[in-house]
Amino acid sequence: MDVSFPYQKKRSEFGRQCLFSDRGPELIDNFPSFRKLYKEFMLKDPVTRYQQCAPVQAEHYLNTMRAEFANVSINHVEGGWPKDVNIADEEQTKRQPNQVGYSLLQSDIQNHVPKQAKVSYIWEVENPNRPLHILKPDDYTVCLEYNQKDPHILASGQFGGQVAVWDVRKGMEPVEVSVKENSFIDPVQKLLWIHSKTGTEFFSASSDGEIKWWDTRKLSEPTDTLILDYAKEEEQQFSKALGVSVLEYEVTIPTRFMVGTEQVPLYLEIEREKQQ
């Protein structure tokens, strides 16, 4: 039986050269027998054992998750015709449309707003290819108003209930933002500047039923707060407040403003006492 296995290998792969020399026996360690334990062992002759020197390998099968597909269809219907156009008349509907309306929120602002970008663009009519200013708030902007005395200053109402003041000369970020604890609970629906000597005052309304007056010089807290509870009681109750959807102000009558509520189709004319 031939037990030799010849193979070829480069000299550089053999490693360092082995140098052998003749030398006498050398005792490395000695383990003498223990006669007391000799009787506890049983001598086996012959002994058969197996040894595997090859690396252990395993084979596995894995089925990936199955991709599920679904067919979705969209029904496109023409609509949005003016009142004087009869949609059943083919002659009138054949006219070339000159206006296109696109509703992104679809009256569901709670579900769609978080998926949209928070950037606001201010456009110039004479140059529609590039925005005049870009605003990057930390929250979604619901309303935005220019200051009548300074065209570089703007105020905005945020979706989270805060109000922010902007200066387009200082960049895209707001220069002042109201404190969350002193702001509205619901989104700011409307914001208007007040015609004052300083030009730094404005007031805002929210759907939580509050109207707050602000001063850009101290935006940490409102200068005045009104809970829109129309019941004739000494103390206004926040639980009975009417949410505000529309707010209007006339500069010639600085102490009065009109409010439109969400709960009922009611417009209230409120007179505010002038602050000393």
Foldseek 3Di string as FASTA:
>chain_A
DDPDDDDDDDPVVVPDDDDDDDDDDDDDDDDDDDVVCPVVDDDDPPDDDDDDPDDDDDDDDDDDDDDDDDDDDDDDDDDDDDPVADPVDPVRVVDDDDDDDDDQCPPPCVPRVVVDAQKDFACDPVDRPDTPAIAHEPAHWQDKDAQPVDRQWIKTWGQQFKIFICGRVVHRYTPDIEDSVQGDRGTWQDKDFAPDPVSQKIWTFFQLQKIFIPGNVDRHHTPDMDGQQPDPDPDDDSVRHFGFNDKADDRVQRQWIWTAGDPDRDIDIDGHDDDD
